[in-house]
């Protein structure tokens, strides 16, 4: 996929914001500029990169070259075997 094939989500996009696992260990901050910042435990910014959302599907491209994807189902993000909830 070309990097500029999709316009980054706006700040008002329903999926922009913080998503966390139930135990709070994994935290995905989906930024409105199409970038994400993932924290793991005490390690802030453990992974960073860009993301694109199409419908309820999200693709991630880590700055190190790692790729992943996920699906939003009923307001919950299912990603790489993890379940992340919208931070309130």
PDB file of N, CA and C in Angstrom:
ATOM      1  N   UNK A   1       0.837  -1.177   0.000  1.00  0.00           N
ATOM      2  CA  UNK A   1       0.000   0.000   0.000  1.00  0.00           C
ATOM      3  C   UNK A   1       0.880   1.238   0.000  1.00  0.00           C
ATOM      4  N   UNK A   2       0.522   2.192  -0.784  1.00  0.00           N
ATOM      5  CA  UNK A   2       1.273   3.438  -0.823  1.00  0.00           C
ATOM      6  C   UNK A   2       0.990   4.253   0.424  1.00  0.00           C
ATOM      7  N   UNK A   3       2.012   4.908   0.927  1.00  0.00           N
ATOM      8  CA  UNK A   3       1.857   5.657   2.162  1.00  0.00           C
ATOM      9  C   UNK A   3       0.803   6.749   2.038  1.00  0.00           C
ATOM     10  N   UNK A   4       0.678   7.359   0.881  1.00  0.00           N
ATOM     11  CA  UNK A   4      -0.267   8.463   0.732  1.00  0.00           C
ATOM     12  C   UNK A   4      -1.586   8.026   0.112  1.00  0.00           C
ATOM     13  N   UNK A   5      -1.887   6.717   0.150  1.00  0.00           N
ATOM     14  CA  UNK A   5      -3.112   6.229  -0.474  1.00  0.00           C
ATOM     15  C   UNK A   5      -4.360   6.556   0.345  1.00  0.00           C
ATOM     16  N   UNK A   6      -4.174   6.878   1.607  1.00  0.00           N
ATOM     17  CA  UNK A   6      -5.306   7.178   2.486  1.00  0.00           C
ATOM     18  C   UNK A   6      -4.986   8.444   3.256  1.00  0.00           C
ATOM     19  N   UNK A   7      -5.961   9.323   3.368  1.00  0.00           N
ATOM     20  CA  UNK A   7      -5.776  10.531   4.159  1.00  0.00           C
ATOM     21  C   UNK A   7      -5.758  10.156   5.633  1.00  0.00           C
ATOM     22  N   UNK A   8      -4.812  10.709   6.414  1.00  0.00           N
ATOM     23  CA  UNK A   8      -4.802  10.395   7.851  1.00  0.00           C
ATOM     24  C   UNK A   8      -6.142  10.752   8.482  1.00  0.00           C
ATOM     25  N   UNK A   9      -6.521  10.012   9.524  1.00  0.00           N
ATOM     26  CA  UNK A   9      -7.801  10.321  10.176  1.00  0.00           C
ATOM     27  C   UNK A   9      -7.769  11.696  10.814  1.00  0.00           C
ATOM     28  N   UNK A  10      -8.903  12.314  10.886  1.00  0.00           N
ATOM     29  CA  UNK A  10      -8.975  13.625  11.532  1.00  0.00           C
ATOM     30  C   UNK A  10      -9.007  13.436  13.043  1.00  0.00           C
ATOM     31  N   UNK A  11      -8.770  14.512  13.763  1.00  0.00           N
ATOM     32  CA  UNK A  11      -8.789  14.458  15.225  1.00  0.00           C
ATOM     33  C   UNK A  11     -10.143  13.966  15.732  1.00  0.00           C
ATOM     34  N   UNK A  12     -11.193  14.175  14.949  1.00  0.00           N
ATOM     35  CA  UNK A  12     -12.520  13.765  15.364  1.00  0.00           C
ATOM     36  C   UNK A  12     -12.891  12.340  14.974  1.00  0.00           C
ATOM     37  N   UNK A  13     -11.989  11.627  14.282  1.00  0.00           N
ATOM     38  CA  UNK A  13     -12.283  10.246  13.882  1.00  0.00           C
ATOM     39  C   UNK A  13     -12.545   9.409  15.135  1.00  0.00           C
ATOM     40  N   UNK A  14     -13.522   8.554  15.063  1.00  0.00           N
ATOM     41  CA  UNK A  14     -13.945   7.810  16.261  1.00  0.00           C
ATOM     42  C   UNK A  14     -12.882   6.858  16.808  1.00  0.00           C
ATOM     43  N   UNK A  15     -11.875   6.491  16.027  1.00  0.00           N
ATOM     44  CA  UNK A  15     -10.851   5.574  16.511  1.00  0.00           C
ATOM     45  C   UNK A  15      -9.586   6.281  16.998  1.00  0.00           C
ATOM     46  N   UNK A  16      -9.448   7.568  16.757  1.00  0.00           N
ATOM     47  CA  UNK A  16      -8.277   8.309  17.234  1.00  0.00           C
ATOM     48  C   UNK A  16      -8.322   8.389  18.755  1.00  0.00           C
ATOM     49  N   UNK A  17      -7.178   8.177  19.393  1.00  0.00           N
ATOM     50  CA  UNK A  17      -7.099   8.256  20.845  1.00  0.00           C
ATOM     51  C   UNK A  17      -6.375   7.064  21.430  1.00  0.00           C
ATOM     52  N   UNK A  18      -6.509   6.894  22.729  1.00  0.00           N
ATOM     53  CA  UNK A  18      -5.791   5.851  23.461  1.00  0.00           C
ATOM     54  C   UNK A  18      -6.610   4.573  23.568  1.00  0.00           C
ATOM     55  N   UNK A  19      -5.953   3.449  23.269  1.00  0.00           N
ATOM     56  CA  UNK A  19      -6.533   2.117  23.382  1.00  0.00           C
ATOM     57  C   UNK A  19      -5.632   1.303  24.303  1.00  0.00           C
ATOM     58  N   UNK A  20      -6.214   0.598  25.270  1.00  0.00           N
ATOM     59  CA  UNK A  20      -5.414  -0.108  26.275  1.00  0.00           C
ATOM     60  C   UNK A  20      -5.953  -1.527  26.508  1.00  0.00           C
ATOM     61  N   UNK A  21      -5.042  -2.432  26.876  1.00  0.00           N
ATOM     62  CA  UNK A  21      -5.470  -3.775  27.279  1.00  0.00           C
ATOM     63  C   UNK A  21      -6.118  -3.660  28.652  1.00  0.00           C
ATOM     64  N   UNK A  22      -6.893  -4.656  29.031  1.00  0.00           N
ATOM     65  CA  UNK A  22      -7.620  -4.626  30.306  1.00  0.00           C
ATOM     66  C   UNK A  22      -6.680  -4.430  31.493  1.00  0.00           C
ATOM     67  N   UNK A  23      -5.460  -4.981  31.405  1.00  0.00           N
ATOM     68  CA  UNK A  23      -4.506  -4.831  32.500  1.00  0.00           C
ATOM     69  C   UNK A  23      -3.664  -3.557  32.399  1.00  0.00           C
ATOM     70  N   UNK A  24      -3.875  -2.776  31.315  1.00  0.00           N
ATOM     71  CA  UNK A  24      -3.157  -1.517  31.134  1.00  0.00           C
ATOM     72  C   UNK A  24      -1.720  -1.670  30.675  1.00  0.00           C
ATOM     73  N   UNK A  25      -1.277  -2.903  30.417  1.00  0.00           N
ATOM     74  CA  UNK A  25       0.120  -3.138  30.049  1.00  0.00           C
ATOM     75  C   UNK A  25       0.456  -2.600  28.653  1.00  0.00           C
ATOM     76  N   UNK A  26      -0.437  -2.802  27.684  1.00  0.00           N
ATOM     77  CA  UNK A  26      -0.223  -2.337  26.314  1.00  0.00           C
ATOM     78  C   UNK A  26      -1.133  -1.139  26.080  1.00  0.00           C
ATOM     79  N   UNK A  27      -0.531  -0.067  25.545  1.00  0.00           N
ATOM     80  CA  UNK A  27      -1.287   1.156  25.286  1.00  0.00           C
ATOM     81  C   UNK A  27      -0.955   1.674  23.891  1.00  0.00           C
ATOM     82  N   UNK A  28      -1.960   1.751  23.039  1.00  0.00           N
ATOM     83  CA  UNK A  28      -1.800   2.283  21.679  1.00  0.00           C
ATOM     84  C   UNK A  28      -2.416   3.671  21.634  1.00  0.00           C
ATOM     85  N   UNK A  29      -1.618   4.659  21.339  1.00  0.00           N
ATOM     86  CA  UNK A  29      -2.144   6.003  21.150  1.00  0.00           C
ATOM     87  C   UNK A  29      -2.215   6.254  19.650  1.00  0.00           C
ATOM     88  N   UNK A  30      -3.417   6.238  19.092  1.00  0.00           N
ATOM     89  CA  UNK A  30      -3.624   6.506  17.676  1.00  0.00           C
ATOM     90  C   UNK A  30      -3.764   8.011  17.505  1.00  0.00           C
ATOM     91  N   UNK A  31      -2.752   8.618  16.935  1.00  0.00           N
ATOM     92  CA  UNK A  31      -2.698  10.074  16.804  1.00  0.00           C
ATOM     93  C   UNK A  31      -3.448  10.532  15.554  1.00  0.00           C
ATOM     94  N   UNK A  32      -3.984  11.744  15.553  1.00  0.00           N
ATOM     95  CA  UNK A  32      -4.777  12.220  14.418  1.00  0.00           C
ATOM     96  C   UNK A  32      -3.964  12.450  13.145  1.00  0.00           C
ATOM     97  N   UNK A  33      -2.637  12.436  13.222  1.00  0.00           N
ATOM     98  CA  UNK A  33      -1.808  12.646  12.035  1.00  0.00           C
ATOM     99  C   UNK A  33      -1.439  11.340  11.333  1.00  0.00           C
ATOM    100  N   UNK A  34      -2.078  10.216  11.741  1.00  0.00           N
ATOM    101  CA  UNK A  34      -1.804   8.945  11.099  1.00  0.00           C
ATOM    102  C   UNK A  34      -0.609   8.208  11.698  1.00  0.00           C
ATOM    103  N   UNK A  35      -0.102   8.681  12.809  1.00  0.00           N
ATOM    104  CA  UNK A  35       0.998   8.022  13.517  1.00  0.00           C
ATOM    105  C   UNK A  35       0.446   7.370  14.784  1.00  0.00           C
ATOM    106  N   UNK A  36       1.182   6.380  15.287  1.00  0.00           N
ATOM    107  CA  UNK A  36       0.806   5.775  16.564  1.00  0.00           C
ATOM    108  C   UNK A  36       2.033   5.692  17.452  1.00  0.00           C
ATOM    109  N   UNK A  37       1.778   5.604  18.740  1.00  0.00           N
ATOM    110  CA  UNK A  37       2.826   5.449  19.743  1.00  0.00           C
ATOM    111  C   UNK A  37       2.346   4.366  20.700  1.00  0.00           C
ATOM    112  N   UNK A  38       3.092   3.266  20.776  1.00  0.00           N
ATOM    113  CA  UNK A  38       2.701   2.147  21.626  1.00  0.00           C
ATOM    114  C   UNK A  38       3.620   2.060  22.836  1.00  0.00           C
ATOM    115  N   UNK A  39       3.023   1.997  24.006  1.00  0.00           N
ATOM    116  CA  UNK A  39       3.766   1.801  25.255  1.00  0.00           C
ATOM    117  C   UNK A  39       3.499   0.386  25.733  1.00  0.00           C
ATOM    118  N   UNK A  40       4.516  -0.195  26.385  1.00  0.00           N
ATOM    119  CA  UNK A  40       4.396  -1.549  26.955  1.00  0.00           C
ATOM    120  C   UNK A  40       4.941  -1.516  28.366  1.00  0.00           C
ATOM    121  N   UNK A  41       4.061  -1.726  29.328  1.00  0.00           N
ATOM    122  CA  UNK A  41       4.486  -1.677  30.723  1.00  0.00           C
ATOM    123  C   UNK A  41       5.082  -0.323  31.055  1.00  0.00           C
ATOM    124  N   UNK A  42       6.275  -0.317  31.613  1.00  0.00           N
ATOM    125  CA  UNK A  42       6.962   0.935  31.956  1.00  0.00           C
ATOM    126  C   UNK A  42       7.698   1.548  30.779  1.00  0.00           C
ATOM    127  N   UNK A  43       7.700   0.858  29.651  1.00  0.00           N
ATOM    128  CA  UNK A  43       8.445   1.328  28.475  1.00  0.00           C
ATOM    129  C   UNK A  43       7.548   2.198  27.587  1.00  0.00           C
ATOM    130  N   UNK A  44       7.671   3.502  27.744  1.00  0.00           N
ATOM    131  CA  UNK A  44       6.924   4.437  26.896  1.00  0.00           C
ATOM    132  C   UNK A  44       7.537   4.424  25.494  1.00  0.00           C
ATOM    133  N   UNK A  45       6.721   4.649  24.479  1.00  0.00           N
ATOM    134  CA  UNK A  45       7.183   4.698  23.084  1.00  0.00           C
ATOM    135  C   UNK A  45       8.006   3.472  22.714  1.00  0.00           C
ATOM    136  N   UNK A  46       7.529   2.292  23.130  1.00  0.00           N
ATOM    137  CA  UNK A  46       8.216   1.044  22.791  1.00  0.00           C
ATOM    138  C   UNK A  46       8.211   0.827  21.277  1.00  0.00           C
ATOM    139  N   UNK A  47       7.111   1.199  20.636  1.00  0.00           N
ATOM    140  CA  UNK A  47       6.980   1.099  19.184  1.00  0.00           C
ATOM    141  C   UNK A  47       6.284   2.345  18.681  1.00  0.00           C
ATOM    142  N   UNK A  48       6.749   2.817  17.539  1.00  0.00           N
ATOM    143  CA  UNK A  48       6.127   3.971  16.893  1.00  0.00           C
ATOM    144  C   UNK A  48       6.075   3.713  15.404  1.00  0.00           C
ATOM    145  N   UNK A  49       5.116   4.315  14.751  1.00  0.00           N
ATOM    146  CA  UNK A  49       5.006   4.153  13.312  1.00  0.00           C
ATOM    147  C   UNK A  49       3.768   4.844  12.794  1.00  0.00           C
ATOM    148  N   UNK A  50       3.309   4.382  11.647  1.00  0.00           N
ATOM    149  CA  UNK A  50       2.120   4.978  11.049  1.00  0.00           C
ATOM    150  C   UNK A  50       1.025   3.933  10.977  1.00  0.00           C
ATOM    151  N   UNK A  51      -0.180   4.405  10.800  1.00  0.00           N
ATOM    152  CA  UNK A  51      -1.323   3.501  10.669  1.00  0.00           C
ATOM    153  C   UNK A  51      -2.302   4.080   9.676  1.00  0.00           C
ATOM    154  N   UNK A  52      -3.124   3.192   9.117  1.00  0.00           N
ATOM    155  CA  UNK A  52      -4.220   3.587   8.232  1.00  0.00           C
ATOM    156  C   UNK A  52      -5.449   2.810   8.645  1.00  0.00           C
ATOM    157  N   UNK A  53      -6.585   3.479   8.594  1.00  0.00           N
ATOM    158  CA  UNK A  53      -7.861   2.846   8.931  1.00  0.00           C
ATOM    159  C   UNK A  53      -8.742   2.861   7.694  1.00  0.00           C
ATOM    160  N   UNK A  54      -9.298   1.692   7.385  1.00  0.00           N
ATOM    161  CA  UNK A  54     -10.266   1.564   6.299  1.00  0.00           C
ATOM    162  C   UNK A  54     -11.478   0.848   6.881  1.00  0.00           C
ATOM    163  N   UNK A  55     -12.565   1.576   7.045  1.00  0.00           N
ATOM    164  CA  UNK A  55     -13.743   0.978   7.669  1.00  0.00           C
ATOM    165  C   UNK A  55     -13.432   0.613   9.103  1.00  0.00           C
ATOM    166  N   UNK A  56     -13.494  -0.686   9.426  1.00  0.00           N
ATOM    167  CA  UNK A  56     -13.186  -1.123  10.788  1.00  0.00           C
ATOM    168  C   UNK A  56     -11.845  -1.864  10.861  1.00  0.00           C
ATOM    169  N   UNK A  57     -11.030  -1.765   9.811  1.00  0.00           N
ATOM    170  CA  UNK A  57      -9.728  -2.434   9.739  1.00  0.00           C
ATOM    171  C   UNK A  57      -8.604  -1.414   9.922  1.00  0.00           C
ATOM    172  N   UNK A  58      -7.565  -1.787  10.681  1.00  0.00           N
ATOM    173  CA  UNK A  58      -6.402  -0.919  10.873  1.00  0.00           C
ATOM    174  C   UNK A  58      -5.149  -1.685  10.465  1.00  0.00           C
ATOM    175  N   UNK A  59      -4.266  -1.012   9.722  1.00  0.00           N
ATOM    176  CA  UNK A  59      -2.951  -1.534   9.367  1.00  0.00           C
ATOM    177  C   UNK A  59      -1.911  -0.671  10.044  1.00  0.00           C
ATOM    178  N   UNK A  60      -0.878  -1.316  10.600  1.00  0.00           N
ATOM    179  CA  UNK A  60       0.229  -0.632  11.272  1.00  0.00           C
ATOM    180  C   UNK A  60       1.523  -0.891  10.509  1.00  0.00           C
ATOM    181  N   UNK A  61       2.373   0.123  10.400  1.00  0.00           N
ATOM    182  CA  UNK A  61       3.720   0.003   9.866  1.00  0.00           C
ATOM    183  C   UNK A  61       4.658   0.633  10.884  1.00  0.00           C
ATOM    184  N   UNK A  62       5.350  -0.213  11.645  1.00  0.00           N
ATOM    185  CA  UNK A  62       6.297   0.261  12.646  1.00  0.00           C
ATOM    186  C   UNK A  62       7.500   0.893  11.946  1.00  0.00           C
ATOM    187  N   UNK A  63       8.115   1.872  12.577  1.00  0.00           N
ATOM    188  CA  UNK A  63       9.280   2.542  11.996  1.00  0.00           C
ATOM    189  C   UNK A  63      10.453   1.592  11.768  1.00  0.00           C
ATOM    190  N   UNK A  64      10.462   0.443  12.445  1.00  0.00           N
ATOM    191  CA  UNK A  64      11.543  -0.534  12.263  1.00  0.00           C
ATOM    192  C   UNK A  64      11.268  -1.497  11.113  1.00  0.00           C
ATOM    193  N   UNK A  65      10.059  -1.420  10.514  1.00  0.00           N
ATOM    194  CA  UNK A  65       9.715  -2.276   9.391  1.00  0.00           C
ATOM    195  C   UNK A  65       8.702  -3.363   9.722  1.00  0.00           C
ATOM    196  N   UNK A  66       8.360  -3.519  10.988  1.00  0.00           N
ATOM    197  CA  UNK A  66       7.366  -4.507  11.412  1.00  0.00           C
ATOM    198  C   UNK A  66       5.987  -4.059  10.944  1.00  0.00           C
ATOM    199  N   UNK A  67       5.168  -5.006  10.509  1.00  0.00           N
ATOM    200  CA  UNK A  67       3.791  -4.675  10.120  1.00  0.00           C
ATOM    201  C   UNK A  67       2.815  -5.520  10.935  1.00  0.00           C
ATOM    202  N   UNK A  68       1.642  -4.974  11.139  1.00  0.00           N
ATOM    203  CA  UNK A  68       0.582  -5.673  11.876  1.00  0.00           C
ATOM    204  C   UNK A  68      -0.749  -5.087  11.449  1.00  0.00           C
ATOM    205  N   UNK A  69      -1.809  -5.741  11.864  1.00  0.00           N
ATOM    206  CA  UNK A  69      -3.133  -5.202  11.570  1.00  0.00           C
ATOM    207  C   UNK A  69      -4.092  -5.572  12.691  1.00  0.00           C
ATOM    208  N   UNK A  70      -5.298  -5.067  12.576  1.00  0.00           N
ATOM    209  CA  UNK A  70      -6.312  -5.333  13.583  1.00  0.00           C
ATOM    210  C   UNK A  70      -7.687  -4.969  13.056  1.00  0.00           C
ATOM    211  N   UNK A  71      -8.678  -5.257  13.881  1.00  0.00           N
ATOM    212  CA  UNK A  71     -10.058  -4.977  13.517  1.00  0.00           C
ATOM    213  C   UNK A  71     -10.788  -4.401  14.724  1.00  0.00           C
ATOM    214  N   UNK A  72     -11.571  -3.384  14.471  1.00  0.00           N
ATOM    215  CA  UNK A  72     -12.437  -2.802  15.495  1.00  0.00           C
ATOM    216  C   UNK A  72     -13.782  -3.516  15.409  1.00  0.00           C
ATOM    217  N   UNK A  73     -14.177  -4.163  16.509  1.00  0.00           N
ATOM    218  CA  UNK A  73     -15.454  -4.879  16.550  1.00  0.00           C
ATOM    219  C   UNK A  73     -16.216  -4.395  17.776  1.00  0.00           C
ATOM    220  N   UNK A  74     -17.366  -3.803  17.550  1.00  0.00           N
ATOM    221  CA  UNK A  74     -18.221  -3.312  18.639  1.00  0.00           C
ATOM    222  C   UNK A  74     -17.459  -2.433  19.623  1.00  0.00           C
ATOM    223  N   UNK A  75     -16.632  -1.528  19.100  1.00  0.00           N
ATOM    224  CA  UNK A  75     -15.913  -0.580  19.948  1.00  0.00           C
ATOM    225  C   UNK A  75     -14.708  -1.152  20.661  1.00  0.00           C
ATOM    226  N   UNK A  76     -14.244  -2.330  20.235  1.00  0.00           N
ATOM    227  CA  UNK A  76     -13.076  -2.977  20.831  1.00  0.00           C
ATOM    228  C   UNK A  76     -12.068  -3.250  19.714  1.00  0.00           C
ATOM    229  N   UNK A  77     -10.781  -2.997  19.972  1.00  0.00           N
ATOM    230  CA  UNK A  77      -9.729  -3.237  18.993  1.00  0.00           C
ATOM    231  C   UNK A  77      -9.123  -4.612  19.223  1.00  0.00           C
ATOM    232  N   UNK A  78      -9.215  -5.465  18.225  1.00  0.00           N
ATOM    233  CA  UNK A  78      -8.605  -6.792  18.241  1.00  0.00           C
ATOM    234  C   UNK A  78      -7.336  -6.702  17.406  1.00  0.00           C
ATOM    235  N   UNK A  79      -6.186  -6.867  18.051  1.00  0.00           N
ATOM    236  CA  UNK A  79      -4.897  -6.645  17.386  1.00  0.00           C
ATOM    237  C   UNK A  79      -3.869  -7.655  17.882  1.00  0.00           C
ATOM    238  N   UNK A  80      -3.335  -8.471  16.964  1.00  0.00           N
ATOM    239  CA  UNK A  80      -2.235  -9.396  17.245  1.00  0.00           C
ATOM    240  C   UNK A  80      -2.509 -10.260  18.482  1.00  0.00           C
ATOM    241  N   UNK A  81      -3.708 -10.781  18.595  1.00  0.00           N
ATOM    242  CA  UNK A  81      -4.057 -11.637  19.718  1.00  0.00           C
ATOM    243  C   UNK A  81      -4.405 -10.887  20.997  1.00  0.00           C
ATOM    244  N   UNK A  82      -4.362  -9.561  20.934  1.00  0.00           N
ATOM    245  CA  UNK A  82      -4.697  -8.739  22.098  1.00  0.00           C
ATOM    246  C   UNK A  82      -6.052  -8.093  21.892  1.00  0.00           C
ATOM    247  N   UNK A  83      -6.679  -7.717  22.997  1.00  0.00           N
ATOM    248  CA  UNK A  83      -7.922  -6.958  22.950  1.00  0.00           C
ATOM    249  C   UNK A  83      -7.664  -5.647  23.678  1.00  0.00           C
ATOM    250  N   UNK A  84      -7.895  -4.546  22.967  1.00  0.00           N
ATOM    251  CA  UNK A  84      -7.670  -3.221  23.542  1.00  0.00           C
ATOM    252  C   UNK A  84      -8.990  -2.461  23.584  1.00  0.00           C
ATOM    253  N   UNK A  85      -9.166  -1.744  24.664  1.00  0.00           N
ATOM    254  CA  UNK A  85     -10.396  -0.994  24.900  1.00  0.00           C
ATOM    255  C   UNK A  85     -10.100   0.500  24.829  1.00  0.00           C
ATOM    256  N   UNK A  86     -11.073   1.235  24.403  1.00  0.00           N
ATOM    257  CA  UNK A  86     -10.953   2.685  24.332  1.00  0.00           C
ATOM    258  C   UNK A  86     -10.782   3.231  25.747  1.00  0.00           C
ATOM    259  N   UNK A  87      -9.742   4.025  25.970  1.00  0.00           N
ATOM    260  CA  UNK A  87      -9.550   4.634  27.277  1.00  0.00           C
ATOM    261  C   UNK A  87     -10.600   5.715  27.483  1.00  0.00           C
ATOM    262  N   UNK A  88     -11.201   5.718  28.638  1.00  0.00           N
ATOM    263  CA  UNK A  88     -12.274   6.701  28.920  1.00  0.00           C
ATOM    264  C   UNK A  88     -11.722   7.933  29.555  1.00  0.00           C
TER     265      UNK A  88
END
